[in-house]
Amino acid sequence: MMHTRHHIGLLSANPSRLLSLLLPILVLFCSSSSGLESRSGTEIYISEKIEDDLLAGGSDIKFDGEIRGDIIAAGMDIVIDGIVDGNINAVGYTVKAGGIVYRSVRLAGYKVTADGRVGGNLVLVGVVARVSSTCEVQNDVNISSPVVYVNGTIAGDLDVDGDEVVISGTINGNVKIIASKKLTIERTAAIFGNLDYTAPEKARIADDAQIDGDVKRTKKSDKDENGLGSILWALVHFVGAFATGLIVVAFCRKQSCSIKDAVSLQLHRSLGYGLVVFVVVPVVILLTAVTVLGLPVAGTALLTYVVLFYISKLFVAMALGERALKLVSPSGQKSHTLSLLVGLIILTALFKIPYAGTVIYLATVMTGLGAMLIAYNQLRASRSNPS
């Protein structure tokens, strides 16, 4: 399938082990936490009881123990079973979450599967996403994937954005689906709420399927954005950001390293300063623009701000990628190009998470803006006091 090939191209544009230790941006926030247990290596198997949050990064990760906290994991192949008295946040190539999870589950990768009991919400982002027949979700489910299978039981609402969507499970709440190619409701499906879907053709609803609420269809026109177009647009953004980062690093290597170090070593200060810059600078530009002589100055300042806004996430990507690569090879030499590539892959996946993606994007931009301010002040201080 065309959309599948494009996703493979996006994920495999890096060396074979790049995806083996991709950690979410939460690594930067959680790495200094005292209540965090970390595991790294090529193959990780955890079967014991853990009393803290767990951060795991490796090529193959398997958990079937018991944990009183959250699991944050990234790797190529991830399987999480057992009992999790917290949340699961996992990014990988193939990711499967089963067992019993008392809070929410968020999975991102090429093939993602929910296969157990989920006490909170379930979020799946991938190329092939599946809610298996043994999965029970006590709250809402949000899925963004070209290919979607919903075979399990959902107590809340179901929201899906995909190309080909197949429903054969039980949903107690309302169902909202965007299917850019086709929607299939199989005979074992039971929907006790309303079905509201957008698709180019009528859904294929089996005669034995149960739908208690109203069924409403919105016809998807040819002008609407389809799954493949969305993938291509995301790929263009990714390549553009990577190319811009390479140019910035090539011409401003010292300054880029200083900003990247500010993100890694002064994360909270960077985020705080960035919040101030994010809010105050547009206000100052607006106030300057209302003066007669200030319009040209405001225009120049606005252009500069837009450029800094765009490149700010590149420095966060470098810091994030470097941190992930250190988990693979703690003593190895870290390439700025490789760090940038790994970090952008992670951020691209995180930005696609429904609802949370917007928050992560804003936090990333603000952190980058704050780190630039910190690095600039350090540069001024070093020039004024060479000793």
Protein backbone atom coordinates (compact mmCIF):
# COMPACT_ATOMS: atom_id res chain seq x y z
CA MET A 1 0.00 0.00 0.00
CA MET A 2 1.28 3.44 -0.90
CA HIS A 3 0.82 5.07 2.51
CA THR A 4 2.62 2.17 4.16
CA ARG A 5 5.66 2.58 1.92
CA HIS A 6 5.88 6.26 2.75
CA HIS A 7 5.76 5.56 6.46
CA ILE A 8 8.49 2.95 6.09
CA GLY A 9 10.60 5.44 4.21
CA LEU A 10 10.18 8.01 6.95
CA LEU A 11 11.09 5.61 9.72
CA SER A 12 13.92 3.81 7.94
CA ALA A 13 15.77 6.86 6.68
CA ASN A 14 18.12 6.42 9.63
CA PRO A 15 20.63 3.65 10.45
CA SER A 16 19.16 0.35 11.60
CA ARG A 17 19.54 1.03 15.32
CA LEU A 18 18.27 4.59 15.36
CA LEU A 19 14.78 3.58 16.40
CA SER A 20 16.09 1.11 18.98
CA LEU A 21 16.39 3.72 21.70
CA LEU A 22 14.08 6.58 20.85
CA LEU A 23 12.85 8.14 24.08
CA PRO A 24 10.05 10.65 24.37
CA ILE A 25 10.78 14.21 25.32
CA LEU A 26 9.83 13.21 28.86
CA VAL A 27 13.34 11.77 29.17
CA LEU A 28 14.66 15.28 29.52
CA PHE A 29 12.16 16.08 32.24
CA CYS A 30 12.34 12.78 34.10
CA SER A 31 16.06 11.95 33.96
CA SER A 32 16.81 13.98 37.08
CA SER A 33 13.86 12.64 39.05
CA SER A 34 14.79 10.68 42.17
CA GLY A 35 11.75 8.41 41.81
CA LEU A 36 12.77 6.98 38.47
CA GLU A 37 14.37 3.65 37.66
CA SER A 38 16.08 3.39 34.27
CA ARG A 39 17.06 0.34 32.23
CA SER A 40 18.97 0.36 28.95
CA GLY A 41 20.64 -2.20 26.68
CA THR A 42 20.12 -4.23 23.54
CA GLU A 43 17.67 -6.66 25.16
CA ILE A 44 15.74 -5.79 28.31
CA TYR A 45 13.58 -8.26 30.21
CA ILE A 46 11.86 -7.14 33.41
CA SER A 47 9.81 -9.52 35.51
CA GLU A 48 10.34 -8.24 39.05
CA LYS A 49 8.30 -5.77 41.10
CA ILE A 50 9.24 -2.09 40.77
CA GLU A 51 8.12 0.60 43.21
CA ASP A 52 9.06 3.64 41.11
CA ASP A 53 8.48 4.93 37.59
CA LEU A 54 10.40 3.01 34.92
CA LEU A 55 12.35 4.48 32.00
CA ALA A 56 13.44 1.77 29.54
CA GLY A 57 15.35 2.06 26.27
CA GLY A 58 16.59 -0.87 24.21
CA SER A 59 16.25 -2.78 20.96
CA ASP A 60 13.90 -5.40 22.45
CA ILE A 61 11.96 -4.62 25.62
CA LYS A 62 9.70 -7.04 27.46
CA PHE A 63 7.95 -6.30 30.75
CA ASP A 64 5.74 -8.81 32.53
CA GLY A 65 6.32 -7.86 36.14
CA GLU A 66 4.49 -5.45 38.44
CA ILE A 67 5.12 -1.73 38.79
CA ARG A 68 3.69 0.94 41.07
CA GLY A 69 4.30 3.84 38.73
CA ASP A 70 4.48 4.82 35.08
CA ILE A 71 6.35 3.10 32.27
CA ILE A 72 8.18 5.23 29.68
CA ALA A 73 9.73 3.00 27.01
CA ALA A 74 11.29 3.32 23.55
CA GLY A 75 12.81 0.69 21.30
CA MET A 76 12.35 -1.43 18.20
CA ASP A 77 10.09 -4.14 19.65
CA ILE A 78 8.24 -3.47 22.90
CA VAL A 79 5.90 -5.84 24.74
CA ILE A 80 4.41 -4.70 28.06
CA ASP A 81 2.33 -7.14 30.09
CA GLY A 82 1.97 -7.68 33.81
CA ILE A 83 0.40 -5.15 36.18
CA VAL A 84 1.00 -1.41 35.80
CA ASP A 85 -0.35 0.81 38.57
CA GLY A 86 0.16 3.91 36.48
CA ASN A 87 0.41 4.97 32.82
CA ILE A 88 2.19 3.46 29.84
CA ASN A 89 3.94 5.79 27.37
CA ALA A 90 5.81 3.86 24.67
CA VAL A 91 7.40 4.69 21.31
CA GLY A 92 8.87 2.05 18.98
CA TYR A 93 8.58 0.16 15.72
CA THR A 94 6.23 -2.52 17.05
CA VAL A 95 4.58 -1.77 20.39
CA LYS A 96 2.15 -4.00 22.26
CA ALA A 97 0.57 -3.23 25.64
CA GLY A 98 -1.34 -5.94 27.47
CA GLY A 99 -1.84 -7.05 31.04
CA ILE A 100 -3.63 -4.74 33.47
CA VAL A 101 -3.04 -0.97 33.36
CA TYR A 102 -4.84 1.07 35.98
CA ARG A 103 -4.45 4.41 34.21
CA SER A 104 -3.93 5.45 30.58
CA VAL A 105 -1.99 3.89 27.71
CA ARG A 106 -0.33 5.92 24.93
CA LEU A 107 1.47 4.05 22.15
CA ALA A 108 3.22 5.37 19.03
CA GLY A 109 5.06 3.42 16.34
CA TYR A 110 4.72 1.55 13.06
CA LYS A 111 2.51 -1.25 14.43
CA VAL A 112 0.78 -0.56 17.75
CA THR A 113 -1.53 -2.96 19.60
CA ALA A 114 -3.58 -2.66 22.78
CA ASP A 115 -4.21 -6.12 24.19
CA GLY A 116 -5.21 -5.86 27.85
CA ARG A 117 -7.31 -3.98 30.40
CA VAL A 118 -6.94 -0.19 30.44
CA GLY A 119 -8.41 1.73 33.36
CA GLY A 120 -8.07 5.17 31.75
CA ASN A 121 -7.87 6.43 28.19
CA LEU A 122 -6.18 4.75 25.24
CA VAL A 123 -4.25 6.66 22.55
CA LEU A 124 -2.75 4.88 19.52
CA VAL A 125 -0.65 6.57 16.82
CA GLY A 126 0.89 4.43 14.09
CA VAL A 127 0.67 2.98 10.60
CA VAL A 128 -1.26 -0.12 11.70
CA ALA A 129 -3.22 0.29 14.95
CA ARG A 130 -5.23 -2.47 16.59
CA VAL A 131 -7.48 -2.72 19.64
CA SER A 132 -7.53 -6.50 20.01
CA SER A 133 -10.54 -8.62 20.97
CA THR A 134 -9.14 -9.16 24.48
CA CYS A 135 -8.71 -5.43 25.13
CA GLU A 136 -11.07 -3.64 27.53
CA VAL A 137 -10.86 0.15 27.86
CA GLN A 138 -12.75 1.83 30.69
CA ASN A 139 -12.65 5.31 29.16
CA ASP A 140 -12.25 6.91 25.74
CA VAL A 141 -10.11 5.77 22.80
CA ASN A 142 -8.35 8.03 20.27
CA ILE A 143 -6.62 6.50 17.24
CA SER A 144 -4.67 8.11 14.41
CA SER A 145 -3.41 5.59 11.85
CA PRO A 146 -3.89 4.75 8.15
CA VAL A 147 -5.06 1.22 9.02
CA VAL A 148 -7.24 0.71 12.11
CA TYR A 149 -8.85 -2.39 13.62
CA VAL A 150 -11.13 -2.07 16.66
CA ASN A 151 -12.03 -5.54 17.95
CA GLY A 152 -12.17 -4.96 21.70
CA THR A 153 -14.58 -3.41 24.22
CA ILE A 154 -14.66 0.34 24.87
CA ALA A 155 -16.71 1.79 27.72
CA GLY A 156 -16.40 5.38 26.52
CA ASP A 157 -16.26 7.12 23.15
CA LEU A 158 -14.20 6.16 20.11
CA ASP A 159 -12.51 8.77 17.89
CA VAL A 160 -10.60 7.54 14.82
CA ASP A 161 -8.70 9.33 12.04
CA GLY A 162 -7.51 6.87 9.38
CA ASP A 163 -7.70 5.61 5.83
CA GLU A 164 -9.16 2.11 6.24
CA VAL A 165 -11.10 1.48 9.45
CA VAL A 166 -12.65 -1.82 10.56
CA ILE A 167 -14.95 -2.04 13.61
CA SER A 168 -15.91 -5.44 15.02
CA GLY A 169 -15.93 -4.79 18.77
CA THR A 170 -18.25 -3.18 21.33
CA ILE A 171 -18.39 0.56 21.97
CA ASN A 172 -20.71 1.80 24.70
CA GLY A 173 -20.33 5.48 23.82
CA ASN A 174 -20.43 7.51 20.64
CA VAL A 175 -18.24 6.77 17.63
CA LYS A 176 -16.68 9.45 15.43
CA ILE A 177 -14.62 8.28 12.47
CA ILE A 178 -12.78 9.93 9.59
CA ALA A 179 -11.99 7.26 7.00
CA SER A 180 -10.40 8.71 3.86
CA LYS A 181 -10.83 5.40 2.00
CA LYS A 182 -13.42 3.10 3.56
CA LEU A 183 -15.19 2.17 6.79
CA THR A 184 -16.33 -1.38 7.56
CA ILE A 185 -18.67 -2.30 10.42
CA GLU A 186 -18.60 -6.09 10.82
CA ARG A 187 -21.45 -8.31 12.06
CA THR A 188 -19.96 -8.71 15.56
CA ALA A 189 -19.86 -4.94 16.12
CA ALA A 190 -22.10 -3.34 18.75
CA ILE A 191 -22.31 0.46 19.00
CA PHE A 192 -24.66 1.68 21.75
CA GLY A 193 -24.20 5.38 20.95
CA ASN A 194 -24.25 7.40 17.74
CA LEU A 195 -22.12 6.69 14.69
CA ASP A 196 -20.83 9.85 12.99
CA TYR A 197 -18.42 9.21 10.13
CA THR A 198 -16.77 10.98 7.21
CA ALA A 199 -15.89 8.85 4.19
CA PRO A 200 -15.90 9.05 0.37
CA GLU A 201 -18.50 6.25 0.18
CA LYS A 202 -21.11 4.72 2.45
CA ALA A 203 -19.82 2.49 5.21
CA ARG A 204 -20.08 -1.23 4.69
CA ILE A 205 -22.33 -2.17 7.61
CA ALA A 206 -23.13 -5.86 8.10
CA ASP A 207 -26.78 -6.79 8.53
CA ASP A 208 -26.14 -8.33 11.95
CA ALA A 209 -24.20 -5.31 13.28
CA GLN A 210 -25.90 -3.47 16.17
CA ILE A 211 -26.06 0.34 16.18
CA ASP A 212 -28.48 1.76 18.76
CA GLY A 213 -27.94 5.46 18.09
CA ASP A 214 -28.19 7.60 14.99
CA VAL A 215 -25.96 7.03 11.96
CA LYS A 216 -24.73 10.18 10.23
CA ARG A 217 -22.41 10.33 7.26
CA THR A 218 -20.50 13.33 5.94
CA LYS A 219 -19.31 12.80 2.40
CA LYS A 220 -15.59 13.36 2.00
CA SER A 221 -14.91 15.46 -1.08
CA ASP A 222 -11.89 15.17 -3.34
CA LYS A 223 -10.60 18.45 -1.96
CA ASP A 224 -10.39 17.05 1.55
CA GLU A 225 -6.99 16.09 2.84
CA ASN A 226 -6.42 12.35 2.52
CA GLY A 227 -4.10 10.07 4.44
CA LEU A 228 -1.39 9.95 1.77
CA GLY A 229 -1.39 13.72 1.35
CA SER A 230 -1.02 14.13 5.09
CA ILE A 231 1.93 11.75 5.14
CA LEU A 232 3.65 13.52 2.25
CA TRP A 233 3.10 16.91 3.89
CA ALA A 234 4.59 15.62 7.15
CA LEU A 235 7.55 14.22 5.22
CA VAL A 236 8.14 17.59 3.54
CA HIS A 237 8.08 19.32 6.94
CA PHE A 238 10.49 16.73 8.36
CA VAL A 239 12.98 17.04 5.51
CA GLY A 240 12.76 20.84 5.61
CA ALA A 241 13.42 20.94 9.35
CA PHE A 242 16.35 18.53 9.03
CA ALA A 243 17.90 20.52 6.17
CA THR A 244 17.47 23.76 8.11
CA GLY A 245 19.12 22.19 11.13
CA LEU A 246 22.10 21.04 9.08
CA ILE A 247 22.57 24.58 7.74
CA VAL A 248 22.30 26.14 11.20
CA VAL A 249 24.81 23.68 12.68
CA ALA A 250 27.21 24.10 9.74
CA PHE A 251 27.35 27.90 9.96
CA CYS A 252 26.81 28.36 13.72
CA ARG A 253 28.31 25.23 15.25
CA LYS A 254 29.56 26.86 18.45
CA GLN A 255 26.34 28.74 19.10
CA SER A 256 24.25 25.64 18.29
CA CYS A 257 26.22 23.56 20.78
CA SER A 258 25.79 26.24 23.44
CA ILE A 259 22.03 26.33 22.93
CA LYS A 260 21.82 22.52 22.89
CA ASP A 261 23.78 22.38 26.15
CA ALA A 262 21.43 24.92 27.71
CA VAL A 263 18.50 22.65 26.87
CA SER A 264 20.23 19.62 28.39
CA LEU A 265 21.75 21.26 31.49
CA GLN A 266 19.24 24.03 32.26
CA LEU A 267 15.98 22.58 31.04
CA HIS A 268 13.67 24.18 33.58
CA ARG A 269 15.28 27.61 33.21
CA SER A 270 15.05 27.30 29.44
CA LEU A 271 11.35 26.48 29.63
CA GLY A 272 10.71 29.34 32.07
CA TYR A 273 12.60 31.94 30.06
CA GLY A 274 11.01 30.62 26.89
CA LEU A 275 7.55 31.12 28.33
CA VAL A 276 8.40 34.76 29.01
CA VAL A 277 9.80 35.25 25.48
CA PHE A 278 6.80 33.44 23.97
CA VAL A 279 4.33 35.81 25.67
CA VAL A 280 6.19 39.11 25.97
CA VAL A 281 7.87 39.46 22.55
CA PRO A 282 4.63 39.45 20.47
CA VAL A 283 3.16 42.07 22.82
CA VAL A 284 6.23 44.30 22.46
CA ILE A 285 6.15 43.91 18.67
CA LEU A 286 2.47 44.87 18.62
CA LEU A 287 3.06 47.95 20.79
CA THR A 288 5.98 48.99 18.60
CA ALA A 289 3.91 48.60 15.43
CA VAL A 290 1.29 51.15 16.54
CA THR A 291 3.87 53.95 16.59
CA VAL A 292 4.57 55.89 13.41
CA LEU A 293 8.30 55.20 13.26
CA GLY A 294 8.04 51.74 14.78
CA LEU A 295 6.35 49.89 11.93
CA PRO A 296 9.55 49.01 10.04
CA VAL A 297 11.21 47.99 13.29
CA ALA A 298 8.21 45.88 14.27
CA GLY A 299 8.20 44.18 10.86
CA THR A 300 11.88 43.28 11.18
CA ALA A 301 11.38 42.09 14.76
CA LEU A 302 8.39 39.96 13.74
CA LEU A 303 10.36 38.30 10.94
CA THR A 304 13.22 37.57 13.33
CA TYR A 305 10.81 36.16 15.89
CA VAL A 306 9.19 33.84 13.31
CA VAL A 307 12.61 32.52 12.26
CA LEU A 308 13.67 31.91 15.87
CA PHE A 309 10.29 30.31 16.58
CA TYR A 310 10.85 27.86 13.73
CA ILE A 311 14.46 26.90 14.52
CA SER A 312 13.93 26.71 18.30
CA LYS A 313 12.73 23.10 18.14
CA LEU A 314 15.91 22.08 16.28
CA PHE A 315 18.06 22.65 19.37
CA VAL A 316 15.66 20.65 21.51
CA ALA A 317 15.85 17.90 18.89
CA MET A 318 19.66 17.91 19.09
CA ALA A 319 19.61 17.62 22.89
CA LEU A 320 16.92 14.94 22.82
CA GLY A 321 18.69 12.93 20.12
CA GLU A 322 22.02 13.14 21.94
CA ARG A 323 20.39 11.88 25.14
CA ALA A 324 18.80 8.96 23.29
CA LEU A 325 22.08 8.03 21.56
CA LYS A 326 23.91 8.07 24.89
CA LEU A 327 21.61 5.29 26.03
CA VAL A 328 22.75 3.23 23.03
CA SER A 329 26.45 3.99 23.38
CA PRO A 330 27.29 5.89 26.59
CA SER A 331 30.98 6.31 25.71
CA GLY A 332 30.66 6.74 21.95
CA GLN A 333 31.22 9.95 19.98
CA LYS A 334 27.94 11.72 19.30
CA SER A 335 27.43 13.19 15.82
CA HIS A 336 25.46 16.44 15.70
CA THR A 337 23.84 15.30 12.46
CA LEU A 338 22.78 11.96 13.92
CA SER A 339 21.55 13.60 17.13
CA LEU A 340 19.48 16.05 15.10
CA LEU A 341 17.98 13.26 12.98
CA VAL A 342 17.07 11.09 15.98
CA GLY A 343 15.62 14.04 17.88
CA LEU A 344 13.49 15.16 14.95
CA ILE A 345 12.10 11.65 14.49
CA ILE A 346 11.10 11.55 18.15
CA LEU A 347 9.56 15.03 18.11
CA THR A 348 7.70 14.34 14.85
CA ALA A 349 6.07 11.29 16.44
CA LEU A 350 5.25 13.16 19.64
CA PHE A 351 3.73 16.14 17.80
CA LYS A 352 1.26 13.74 16.14
CA ILE A 353 -0.22 12.58 19.45
CA PRO A 354 -3.82 13.83 19.69
CA TYR A 355 -4.30 16.71 22.14
CA ALA A 356 -0.96 16.14 23.91
CA GLY A 357 0.94 16.82 20.68
CA THR A 358 0.01 20.51 20.73
CA VAL A 359 1.18 20.87 24.33
CA ILE A 360 4.44 19.08 23.56
CA TYR A 361 5.01 21.30 20.51
CA LEU A 362 4.51 24.52 22.50
CA ALA A 363 6.74 23.26 25.33
CA THR A 364 9.43 22.34 22.79
CA VAL A 365 9.33 25.77 21.14
CA MET A 366 9.40 27.61 24.46
CA THR A 367 12.30 25.47 25.70
CA GLY A 368 14.27 26.25 22.54
CA LEU A 369 13.55 29.98 22.78
CA GLY A 370 14.63 30.05 26.42
CA ALA A 371 17.81 28.10 25.68
CA MET A 372 18.71 30.61 22.94
CA LEU A 373 18.31 33.44 25.44
CA ILE A 374 20.48 31.66 28.02
CA ALA A 375 23.19 30.92 25.44
CA TYR A 376 23.13 34.53 24.24
CA ASN A 377 23.57 35.86 27.78
CA GLN A 378 26.46 33.44 28.38
CA LEU A 379 28.12 34.58 25.16
CA ARG A 380 27.80 38.24 26.18
CA ALA A 381 29.20 37.47 29.62
CA SER A 382 32.19 35.63 28.17
CA ARG A 383 32.97 38.53 25.82
CA SER A 384 32.76 41.13 28.58
CA ASN A 385 34.90 39.01 30.91
CA PRO A 386 37.40 36.98 28.84
CA SER A 387 39.04 35.54 31.97
